[in-house]
Structures are given as C-alpha cells and as structure tokens.
C-alpha atoms as a PDB file:
ATOM      1  CA  MET A   1      82.110 -71.388 100.605  1.00  0.00           C
ATOM      2  CA  LYS A   2      78.790 -72.925 100.398  1.00  0.00           C
ATOM      3  CA  ASN A   3      77.003 -70.022  98.729  1.00  0.00           C
ATOM      4  CA  GLN A   4      79.947 -70.048  95.878  1.00  0.00           C
ATOM      5  CA  SER A   5      79.420 -73.539  95.469  1.00  0.00           C
ATOM      6  CA  PHE A   6      75.879 -73.141  94.811  1.00  0.00           C
ATOM      7  CA  TRP A   7      76.360 -70.344  92.317  1.00  0.00           C
ATOM      8  CA  ARG A   8      78.618 -72.459  90.721  1.00  0.00           C
ATOM      9  CA  LYS A   9      77.023 -75.936  90.740  1.00  0.00           C
ATOM     10  CA  LEU A  10      73.637 -73.481  88.925  1.00  0.00           C
ATOM     11  CA  GLY A  11      76.161 -71.981  86.861  1.00  0.00           C
ATOM     12  CA  ASP A  12      77.529 -75.396  85.196  1.00  0.00           C
ATOM     13  CA  PHE A  13      73.977 -76.448  84.918  1.00  0.00           C
ATOM     14  CA  ALA A  14      72.794 -73.300  82.944  1.00  0.00           C
ATOM     15  CA  MET A  15      75.742 -73.888  80.806  1.00  0.00           C
ATOM     16  CA  GLY A  16      75.074 -78.043  80.476  1.00  0.00           C
ATOM     17  CA  LYS A  17      71.347 -79.578  80.197  1.00  0.00           C
ATOM     18  CA  GLY A  18      69.844 -76.627  81.573  1.00  0.00           C
ATOM     19  CA  PHE A  19      70.290 -74.521  78.455  1.00  0.00           C
ATOM     20  CA  TYR A  20      68.724 -76.813  76.347  1.00  0.00           C
ATOM     21  CA  ILE A  21      65.639 -77.250  78.988  1.00  0.00           C
ATOM     22  CA  VAL A  22      65.072 -73.306  79.122  1.00  0.00           C
ATOM     23  CA  LEU A  23      65.701 -72.880  75.458  1.00  0.00           C
ATOM     24  CA  PHE A  24      62.581 -75.621  74.925  1.00  0.00           C
ATOM     25  CA  LEU A  25      60.568 -73.824  77.518  1.00  0.00           C
ATOM     26  CA  CYS A  26      60.714 -70.495  75.304  1.00  0.00           C
ATOM     27  CA  VAL A  27      59.715 -72.560  72.239  1.00  0.00           C
ATOM     28  CA  ALA A  28      56.891 -73.662  73.886  1.00  0.00           C
ATOM     29  CA  THR A  29      56.158 -70.424  75.091  1.00  0.00           C
ATOM     30  CA  ILE A  30      56.381 -68.240  72.021  1.00  0.00           C
ATOM     31  CA  GLY A  31      54.267 -71.722  69.939  1.00  0.00           C
ATOM     32  CA  ILE A  32      51.158 -71.722  72.329  1.00  0.00           C
ATOM     33  CA  SER A  33      51.269 -67.525  72.078  1.00  0.00           C
ATOM     34  CA  GLY A  34      51.091 -67.348  68.346  1.00  0.00           C
ATOM     35  CA  TYR A  35      48.111 -70.401  68.218  1.00  0.00           C
ATOM     36  CA  TYR A  36      46.139 -68.369  70.442  1.00  0.00           C
ATOM     37  CA  LEU A  37      46.822 -64.852  68.578  1.00  0.00           C
ATOM     38  CA  LEU A  38      46.317 -67.226  65.321  1.00  0.00           C
ATOM     39  CA  GLN A  39      42.642 -67.827  66.523  1.00  0.00           C
ATOM     40  CA  THR A  40      41.641 -64.563  67.759  1.00  0.00           C
ATOM     41  CA  VAL A  41      42.856 -63.259  64.283  1.00  0.00           C
ATOM     42  CA  VAL A  42      40.635 -65.887  62.509  1.00  0.00           C
ATOM     43  CA  LYS A  43      37.482 -65.145  64.549  1.00  0.00           C
ATOM     44  CA  GLY A  44      38.028 -61.249  63.940  1.00  0.00           C
ATOM     45  CA  THR A  45      37.764 -61.672  60.058  1.00  0.00           C
ATOM     46  CA  ARG A  46      34.109 -63.646  60.226  1.00  0.00           C
ATOM     47  CA  PRO A  47      31.914 -61.848  57.964  1.00  0.00           C
ATOM     48  CA  ALA A  48      29.096 -59.048  59.974  1.00  0.00           C
ATOM     49  CA  GLU A  49      25.622 -59.445  59.815  1.00  0.00           C
ATOM     50  CA  PRO A  50      23.831 -56.852  57.330  1.00  0.00           C
ATOM     51  CA  ALA A  51      22.601 -53.841  59.303  1.00  0.00           C
ATOM     52  CA  GLY A  52      19.057 -54.282  58.199  1.00  0.00           C
ATOM     53  CA  GLY A  53      18.975 -57.670  59.061  1.00  0.00           C
ATOM     54  CA  GLY A  54      18.019 -60.645  56.422  1.00  0.00           C
ATOM     55  CA  ALA A  55      15.818 -59.361  53.408  1.00  0.00           C
ATOM     56  CA  SER A  56      13.422 -61.839  51.978  1.00  0.00           C
ATOM     57  CA  VAL A  57      11.940 -61.565  48.691  1.00  0.00           C
ATOM     58  CA  THR A  58       8.470 -62.210  48.020  1.00  0.00           C
ATOM     59  CA  ILE A  59       7.382 -63.323  44.263  1.00  0.00           C
ATOM     60  CA  PRO A  60       3.326 -62.199  43.961  1.00  0.00           C
ATOM     61  CA  ASP A  61       0.987 -65.171  42.510  1.00  0.00           C
ATOM     62  CA  GLN A  62       1.291 -64.269  38.575  1.00  0.00           C
ATOM     63  CA  SER A  63      -2.552 -65.732  38.419  1.00  0.00           C
ATOM     64  CA  ALA A  64      -3.757 -63.607  40.750  1.00  0.00           C
ATOM     65  CA  GLY A  65      -4.986 -60.810  38.253  1.00  0.00           C
ATOM     66  CA  ARG A  66      -5.943 -62.336  35.412  1.00  0.00           C
ATOM     67  CA  PRO A  67      -9.895 -63.382  34.613  1.00  0.00           C
ATOM     68  CA  SER A  68     -10.306 -66.999  35.338  1.00  0.00           C
ATOM     69  CA  ILE A  69     -11.004 -69.037  32.359  1.00  0.00           C
ATOM     70  CA  PRO A  70     -13.830 -71.805  32.974  1.00  0.00           C
ATOM     71  CA  VAL A  71     -12.789 -75.374  32.157  1.00  0.00           C
ATOM     72  CA  PRO A  72     -15.722 -77.181  30.331  1.00  0.00           C
ATOM     73  CA  GLY A  73     -16.636 -80.363  31.755  1.00  0.00           C
ATOM     74  CA  PRO A  74     -16.451 -83.879  30.154  1.00  0.00           C
ATOM     75  CA  ASP A  75     -20.124 -83.254  28.403  1.00  0.00           C
ATOM     76  CA  GLU A  76     -20.013 -79.590  27.909  1.00  0.00           C
ATOM     77  CA  ASP A  77     -18.844 -78.343  24.409  1.00  0.00           C
ATOM     78  CA  PRO A  78     -16.179 -75.891  24.697  1.00  0.00           C
ATOM     79  CA  PRO A  79     -16.813 -72.304  24.704  1.00  0.00           C
ATOM     80  CA  ALA A  80     -16.772 -70.140  21.022  1.00  0.00           C
ATOM     81  CA  VAL A  81     -13.871 -68.353  20.059  1.00  0.00           C
ATOM     82  CA  SER A  82     -15.190 -65.461  18.171  1.00  0.00           C
ATOM     83  CA  PRO A  83     -12.705 -65.190  15.016  1.00  0.00           C
ATOM     84  CA  ARG A  84      -9.957 -62.421  14.906  1.00  0.00           C
ATOM     85  CA  PRO A  85     -11.641 -59.438  12.607  1.00  0.00           C
ATOM     86  CA  GLN A  86      -9.896 -59.027   9.471  1.00  0.00           C
ATOM     87  CA  ALA A  87      -8.432 -55.916   8.054  1.00  0.00           C
ATOM     88  CA  GLU A  88     -10.564 -54.715   5.349  1.00  0.00           C
ATOM     89  CA  PRO A  89      -8.560 -54.338   2.137  1.00  0.00           C
ATOM     90  CA  ASN A  90      -7.679 -50.332   1.262  1.00  0.00           C
ATOM     91  CA  PRO A  91     -10.379 -49.294  -0.862  1.00  0.00           C
ATOM     92  CA  ALA A  92      -9.663 -48.638  -4.810  1.00  0.00           C
ATOM     93  CA  PRO A  93      -9.909 -44.754  -5.445  1.00  0.00           C
ATOM     94  CA  ALA A  94     -12.816 -44.246  -6.874  1.00  0.00           C
ATOM     95  CA  ALA A  95     -12.415 -43.106 -10.873  1.00  0.00           C
ATOM     96  CA  GLN A  96     -12.370 -38.985 -11.283  1.00  0.00           C
ATOM     97  CA  PRO A  97     -13.955 -37.932 -13.999  1.00  0.00           C
ATOM     98  CA  ASP A  98     -11.870 -35.698 -16.504  1.00  0.00           C
ATOM     99  CA  ASP A  99     -11.551 -31.878 -16.208  1.00  0.00           C
ATOM    100  CA  PRO A 100     -14.580 -30.373 -18.082  1.00  0.00           C
ATOM    101  CA  GLU A 101     -13.529 -28.242 -21.269  1.00  0.00           C
ATOM    102  CA  PRO A 102     -13.965 -24.901 -20.217  1.00  0.00           C
ATOM    103  CA  VAL A 103     -17.107 -23.304 -21.405  1.00  0.00           C
ATOM    104  CA  LYS A 104     -16.930 -19.787 -23.608  1.00  0.00           C
ATOM    105  CA  ASP A 105     -18.595 -17.124 -22.345  1.00  0.00           C
ATOM    106  CA  THR A 106     -20.657 -16.229 -25.400  1.00  0.00           C
ATOM    107  CA  ALA A 107     -22.584 -13.137 -23.375  1.00  0.00           C
ATOM    108  CA  PRO A 108     -22.003  -9.830 -25.192  1.00  0.00           C
ATOM    109  CA  GLU A 109     -19.710  -7.051 -23.025  1.00  0.00           C
ATOM    110  CA  PRO A 110     -21.422  -5.134 -20.944  1.00  0.00           C
ATOM    111  CA  ASP A 111     -21.799  -1.561 -22.464  1.00  0.00           C
ATOM    112  CA  THR A 112     -19.482   0.634 -20.193  1.00  0.00           C
ATOM    113  CA  ARG A 113     -19.799   3.997 -21.778  1.00  0.00           C
ATOM    114  CA  GLU A 114     -21.484   6.671 -19.649  1.00  0.00           C
ATOM    115  CA  SER A 115     -24.859   7.809 -21.371  1.00  0.00           C
ATOM    116  CA  GLY A 116     -25.355  11.267 -21.747  1.00  0.00           C
ATOM    117  CA  LYS A 117     -21.320  12.461 -21.501  1.00  0.00           C
ATOM    118  CA  THR A 118     -18.791  13.107 -23.868  1.00  0.00           C
ATOM    119  CA  VAL A 119     -15.538  12.252 -23.619  1.00  0.00           C
ATOM    120  CA  SER A 120     -13.012  14.947 -25.378  1.00  0.00           C
ATOM    121  CA  LYS A 121      -9.584  14.870 -26.268  1.00  0.00           C
ATOM    122  CA  VAL A 122      -9.287  18.282 -27.735  1.00  0.00           C
ATOM    123  CA  PHE A 123      -8.548  20.951 -25.440  1.00  0.00           C
ATOM    124  CA  THR A 124      -8.421  24.790 -25.546  1.00  0.00           C
ATOM    125  CA  TRP A 125      -7.132  27.745 -23.401  1.00  0.00           C
ATOM    126  CA  PRO A 126     -10.048  29.642 -21.655  1.00  0.00           C
ATOM    127  CA  VAL A 127      -8.375  32.862 -22.066  1.00  0.00           C
ATOM    128  CA  GLN A 128      -5.504  34.182 -23.998  1.00  0.00           C
ATOM    129  CA  GLY A 129      -2.795  35.803 -21.591  1.00  0.00           C
ATOM    130  CA  THR A 130      -0.013  35.363 -19.304  1.00  0.00           C
ATOM    131  CA  VAL A 131       0.160  32.676 -16.197  1.00  0.00           C
ATOM    132  CA  LEU A 132       0.204  35.043 -13.441  1.00  0.00           C
ATOM    133  CA  ARG A 133       0.522  32.405 -10.699  1.00  0.00           C
ATOM    134  CA  ASP A 134       0.889  28.653 -11.907  1.00  0.00           C
ATOM    135  CA  TYR A 135      -0.173  25.087 -10.038  1.00  0.00           C
ATOM    136  CA  SER A 136       1.648  24.025  -7.319  1.00  0.00           C
ATOM    137  CA  VAL A 137      -0.173  21.375  -4.605  1.00  0.00           C
ATOM    138  CA  GLU A 138       3.460  19.960  -3.824  1.00  0.00           C
ATOM    139  CA  VAL A 139       5.270  22.703  -3.121  1.00  0.00           C
ATOM    140  CA  LEU A 140       4.450  26.381  -1.195  1.00  0.00           C
ATOM    141  CA  SER A 141       4.216  29.225  -3.246  1.00  0.00           C
ATOM    142  CA  LEU A 142       4.225  33.055  -2.247  1.00  0.00           C
ATOM    143  CA  ASP A 143       0.152  34.086  -1.959  1.00  0.00           C
ATOM    144  CA  PRO A 144      -0.126  38.089  -3.430  1.00  0.00           C
ATOM    145  CA  THR A 145      -2.997  37.989  -1.555  1.00  0.00           C
ATOM    146  CA  MET A 146      -2.961  36.986   1.868  1.00  0.00           C
ATOM    147  CA  GLY A 147       1.264  37.569   1.957  1.00  0.00           C
ATOM    148  CA  ASP A 148       1.854  34.020   3.327  1.00  0.00           C
ATOM    149  CA  TRP A 149       3.127  30.923   1.235  1.00  0.00           C
ATOM    150  CA  ARG A 150       0.575  27.935   0.510  1.00  0.00           C
ATOM    151  CA  THR A 151      -0.384  25.529  -2.277  1.00  0.00           C
ATOM    152  CA  HIS A 152      -2.158  26.701  -5.328  1.00  0.00           C
ATOM    153  CA  GLY A 153      -4.476  24.526  -7.018  1.00  0.00           C
ATOM    154  CA  GLY A 154      -5.290  26.056 -10.380  1.00  0.00           C
ATOM    155  CA  LEU A 155      -4.050  28.585 -12.720  1.00  0.00           C
ATOM    156  CA  ASP A 156      -4.300  32.623 -12.813  1.00  0.00           C
ATOM    157  CA  ILE A 157      -4.494  33.585 -16.417  1.00  0.00           C
ATOM    158  CA  ALA A 158      -4.031  37.333 -16.637  1.00  0.00           C
ATOM    159  CA  ALA A 159      -7.037  38.723 -18.653  1.00  0.00           C
ATOM    160  CA  ALA A 160      -9.364  42.030 -18.322  1.00  0.00           C
ATOM    161  CA  GLN A 161     -12.321  42.071 -16.827  1.00  0.00           C
ATOM    162  CA  GLY A 162     -15.603  41.325 -19.433  1.00  0.00           C
ATOM    163  CA  VAL A 163     -13.212  39.147 -21.631  1.00  0.00           C
ATOM    164  CA  LYS A 164     -15.231  35.792 -22.147  1.00  0.00           C
ATOM    165  CA  VAL A 165     -14.411  33.225 -20.833  1.00  0.00           C
ATOM    166  CA  LEU A 166     -14.398  29.638 -23.030  1.00  0.00           C
ATOM    167  CA  SER A 167     -14.879  25.857 -21.783  1.00  0.00           C
ATOM    168  CA  ILE A 168     -11.606  24.082 -22.169  1.00  0.00           C
ATOM    169  CA  SER A 169     -13.490  21.243 -24.172  1.00  0.00           C
ATOM    170  CA  ALA A 170     -16.802  19.490 -24.640  1.00  0.00           C
ATOM    171  CA  GLY A 171     -18.788  18.716 -21.595  1.00  0.00           C
ATOM    172  CA  THR A 172     -22.038  19.344 -19.644  1.00  0.00           C
ATOM    173  CA  VAL A 173     -22.353  22.398 -17.100  1.00  0.00           C
ATOM    174  CA  GLU A 174     -22.466  20.523 -13.874  1.00  0.00           C
ATOM    175  CA  GLN A 175     -22.650  23.801 -11.353  1.00  0.00           C
ATOM    176  CA  VAL A 176     -23.457  27.269 -10.906  1.00  0.00           C
ATOM    177  CA  TYR A 177     -22.671  28.975  -7.516  1.00  0.00           C
ATOM    178  CA  THR A 178     -20.608  31.711  -5.814  1.00  0.00           C
ATOM    179  CA  ASP A 179     -18.189  30.631  -3.702  1.00  0.00           C
ATOM    180  CA  ALA A 180     -17.583  33.066  -0.437  1.00  0.00           C
ATOM    181  CA  MET A 181     -13.877  33.130  -1.285  1.00  0.00           C
ATOM    182  CA  MET A 182     -13.337  32.515  -5.211  1.00  0.00           C
ATOM    183  CA  GLY A 183     -16.530  34.579  -6.214  1.00  0.00           C
ATOM    184  CA  ALA A 184     -19.050  33.115  -9.047  1.00  0.00           C
ATOM    185  CA  THR A 185     -17.883  29.820 -10.293  1.00  0.00           C
ATOM    186  CA  VAL A 186     -18.779  27.340 -13.205  1.00  0.00           C
ATOM    187  CA  VAL A 187     -18.092  23.516 -13.123  1.00  0.00           C
ATOM    188  CA  VAL A 188     -17.990  21.418 -16.543  1.00  0.00           C
ATOM    189  CA  ASP A 189     -17.934  18.031 -16.335  1.00  0.00           C
ATOM    190  CA  HIS A 190     -16.299  16.666 -19.218  1.00  0.00           C
ATOM    191  CA  GLY A 191     -16.520  12.948 -19.028  1.00  0.00           C
ATOM    192  CA  GLY A 192     -13.777  10.140 -17.846  1.00  0.00           C
ATOM    193  CA  GLY A 193     -13.660  11.719 -14.637  1.00  0.00           C
ATOM    194  CA  LEU A 194     -12.196  15.027 -15.986  1.00  0.00           C
ATOM    195  CA  LYS A 195     -13.825  18.406 -14.700  1.00  0.00           C
ATOM    196  CA  SER A 196     -12.827  21.781 -15.103  1.00  0.00           C
ATOM    197  CA  TRP A 197     -13.814  24.899 -12.814  1.00  0.00           C
ATOM    198  CA  TYR A 198     -13.694  28.549 -13.695  1.00  0.00           C
ATOM    199  CA  CYS A 199     -13.736  31.216 -10.854  1.00  0.00           C
ATOM    200  CA  ASN A 200     -13.222  34.829 -10.222  1.00  0.00           C
ATOM    201  CA  LEU A 201     -15.958  35.436 -12.958  1.00  0.00           C
ATOM    202  CA  ALA A 202     -18.486  38.059 -12.839  1.00  0.00           C
ATOM    203  CA  GLU A 203     -21.693  37.576 -11.810  1.00  0.00           C
ATOM    204  CA  ASP A 204     -23.916  37.174 -15.218  1.00  0.00           C
ATOM    205  CA  VAL A 205     -22.643  33.766 -16.155  1.00  0.00           C
ATOM    206  CA  THR A 206     -24.142  32.795 -19.888  1.00  0.00           C
ATOM    207  CA  VAL A 207     -24.976  29.230 -18.652  1.00  0.00           C
ATOM    208  CA  GLN A 208     -26.698  27.017 -16.320  1.00  0.00           C
ATOM    209  CA  ALA A 209     -26.357  23.708 -14.597  1.00  0.00           C
ATOM    210  CA  GLY A 210     -27.324  21.175 -17.640  1.00  0.00           C
ATOM    211  CA  ASP A 211     -26.485  23.088 -20.358  1.00  0.00           C
ATOM    212  CA  LYS A 212     -24.245  20.562 -23.223  1.00  0.00           C
ATOM    213  CA  VAL A 213     -21.218  22.805 -24.056  1.00  0.00           C
ATOM    214  CA  ASP A 214     -18.924  22.663 -27.006  1.00  0.00           C
ATOM    215  CA  ILE A 215     -15.092  23.436 -27.027  1.00  0.00           C
ATOM    216  CA  GLY A 216     -14.843  27.126 -26.849  1.00  0.00           C
ATOM    217  CA  SER A 217     -18.697  27.852 -25.839  1.00  0.00           C
ATOM    218  CA  GLU A 218     -18.815  31.103 -23.888  1.00  0.00           C
ATOM    219  CA  LEU A 219     -19.522  30.182 -20.169  1.00  0.00           C
ATOM    220  CA  GLY A 220     -19.606  34.154 -18.889  1.00  0.00           C
ATOM    221  CA  ALA A 221     -16.746  37.246 -18.311  1.00  0.00           C
ATOM    222  CA  VAL A 222     -13.675  37.387 -16.463  1.00  0.00           C
ATOM    223  CA  GLY A 223     -14.519  39.903 -12.740  1.00  0.00           C
ATOM    224  CA  SER A 224     -13.360  40.630  -9.420  1.00  0.00           C
ATOM    225  CA  SER A 225     -15.398  38.057  -7.741  1.00  0.00           C
ATOM    226  CA  ALA A 226     -12.756  36.266  -5.520  1.00  0.00           C
ATOM    227  CA  ILE A 227     -11.932  37.886  -2.689  1.00  0.00           C
ATOM    228  CA  ALA A 228      -9.123  35.288  -1.818  1.00  0.00           C
ATOM    229  CA  GLU A 229      -7.434  36.620  -4.909  1.00  0.00           C
ATOM    230  CA  VAL A 230      -8.126  40.252  -4.888  1.00  0.00           C
ATOM    231  CA  GLY A 231      -4.248  40.550  -4.759  1.00  0.00           C
ATOM    232  CA  VAL A 232      -3.550  39.571  -8.228  1.00  0.00           C
ATOM    233  CA  GLU A 233      -4.271  41.573 -11.351  1.00  0.00           C
ATOM    234  CA  SER A 234      -7.443  41.123 -13.128  1.00  0.00           C
ATOM    235  CA  HIS A 235      -7.427  36.761 -14.394  1.00  0.00           C
ATOM    236  CA  VAL A 236      -9.935  33.859 -14.333  1.00  0.00           C
ATOM    237  CA  HIS A 237      -9.103  31.129 -12.112  1.00  0.00           C
ATOM    238  CA  LEU A 238      -8.749  27.710 -13.651  1.00  0.00           C
ATOM    239  CA  GLU A 239      -8.662  24.296 -12.017  1.00  0.00           C
ATOM    240  CA  THR A 240      -9.031  20.893 -13.281  1.00  0.00           C
ATOM    241  CA  THR A 241      -9.419  17.627 -11.150  1.00  0.00           C
ATOM    242  CA  LEU A 242      -9.449  14.161 -12.568  1.00  0.00           C
ATOM    243  CA  ASP A 243     -11.880  11.653 -10.299  1.00  0.00           C
ATOM    244  CA  GLY A 244     -11.605  14.126  -7.360  1.00  0.00           C
ATOM    245  CA  ARG A 245      -8.302  14.969  -7.311  1.00  0.00           C
ATOM    246  CA  PRO A 246      -6.480  18.210  -8.638  1.00  0.00           C
ATOM    247  CA  VAL A 247      -4.477  17.693 -11.729  1.00  0.00           C
ATOM    248  CA  ASP A 248      -2.126  20.831 -13.194  1.00  0.00           C
ATOM    249  CA  PRO A 249      -4.490  22.397 -16.137  1.00  0.00           C
ATOM    250  CA  ARG A 250      -1.085  22.324 -18.418  1.00  0.00           C
ATOM    251  CA  ASP A 251      -1.293  18.932 -18.873  1.00  0.00           C
ATOM    252  CA  TYR A 252      -4.523  19.549 -20.714  1.00  0.00           C
ATOM    253  CA  LEU A 253      -3.938  22.834 -22.204  1.00  0.00           C
ATOM    254  CA  LYS A 254      -1.190  22.543 -24.870  1.00  0.00           C
END
C-alpha cells in the first residue's frame, strides 16, 4: 500500500510542479550544450598560419649602385658641367655639275677590209654534169662505196676523167695536197670566210698555193684519186665551208 502511495504521489508531482522543473532543466541543458558547440565552431574557423611562414621583402638601397656626387664646400666653386654636344645640322648637298655634253668621236672608222682577198658575188659550176650524190649533213644517205648510211659534206658532180675543173669564183689558192681518202685536193679562199674544196682530181694539178684565180680559172682535171668514192662513177667532189662550217654548194651555184 505504501509503494502504491509513493508512485501515486510521484505521478501527481510530475503532472504538477514537477513538469515545469523538468522542462526548465531540459532547456538549460540544451542551452549550455549549444553554447559550447558554438565556441568550438568559432575556434575552428580561425585562419591558419601560411605553410611557408611569414615572408618579408627587403627593398635594397637605391643609392648603392650610383656614383657619389661630391658636394662642394662653402668656399669651393661648384664643379663645371660640360655642355651637351649640339647635333650638327645636315650638310647641304654639294652642287653637282651638269652632265657634260657628249663628245662626238671624230676619229675615222678603221678599214675592216681584208687586204689581198677578193669577196666575189659571182659563181659558176666547176664542171657541167649531173649531181650523182647531193649534200647531206643532217640526214644520212647511202654511200655507194662503203655500202652504209652516212653524211655527205659536198656534191658529187658527174664528169669524165680529164675534164677541166674550174674555180667556182675568184680567190686565192690556199692549199694543194693529196688526201689519203679524197685524193688530189685544191682549196680556194674566196674571202668573207668562204672556201671551196675540189677533190678526186688528177695528180697533175695546174695551180699551187698562193696563186690568184678568177671565176672559171682552171685548177686541174677530173681524176680517180679518191679511194673513199671509187664506188661512184667518174666525178669531181665539191665542198664549200663558211667560217669553217660545211655549207651546201648549191647555195652559191645558181
């Protein structure tokens, strides 16, 4: 009975004044706990020290590298200051004389004509006959003697042996010799770089080196001395050169 009375009294107390006491204690506990929690958070948000520690910058003395300027005393004259050099003005361009007038060359022109040489513009055939083999240095032609195709630097003009061979134009006999392949040969210089060659002549030619000849002058006779052309019927082999280069004799024989 006593136990029931105690619990009943306790319950009455809890429902009465005791309820407010317990509520006050709870509120106080919550307030104290919140205060300590707030202090802990505030302390945790303080800025931390930098990892490298505090850095300091030292500004050097600006006057350390400058030369010292002496300060004159009260009885000394101040140092002389050299004046700044003045820029020289641009010199005026020197007057140029006018171009001189061209001087006319009054010296006479040199005579370029070759002495002792006759430049002829009249030509004739060395013999009257048919052309057996024509001039051909760019296209190969059949060689009747060798039986192959090769160039031919002159004209083979048919003529019987013993027929007179004439100079195609006036000039000077330059050479008379016997070639191993083309036989007895006479070379006439007509001037102006033009020369004529007469091959396959008889051995007894009628001129010699240095002789002056006119157009149609006799040089020798048709022979059979050219071993390189024995396969061709009786003829005279005529070549012409201009400044040392072969040219077609037909360019002069009209």
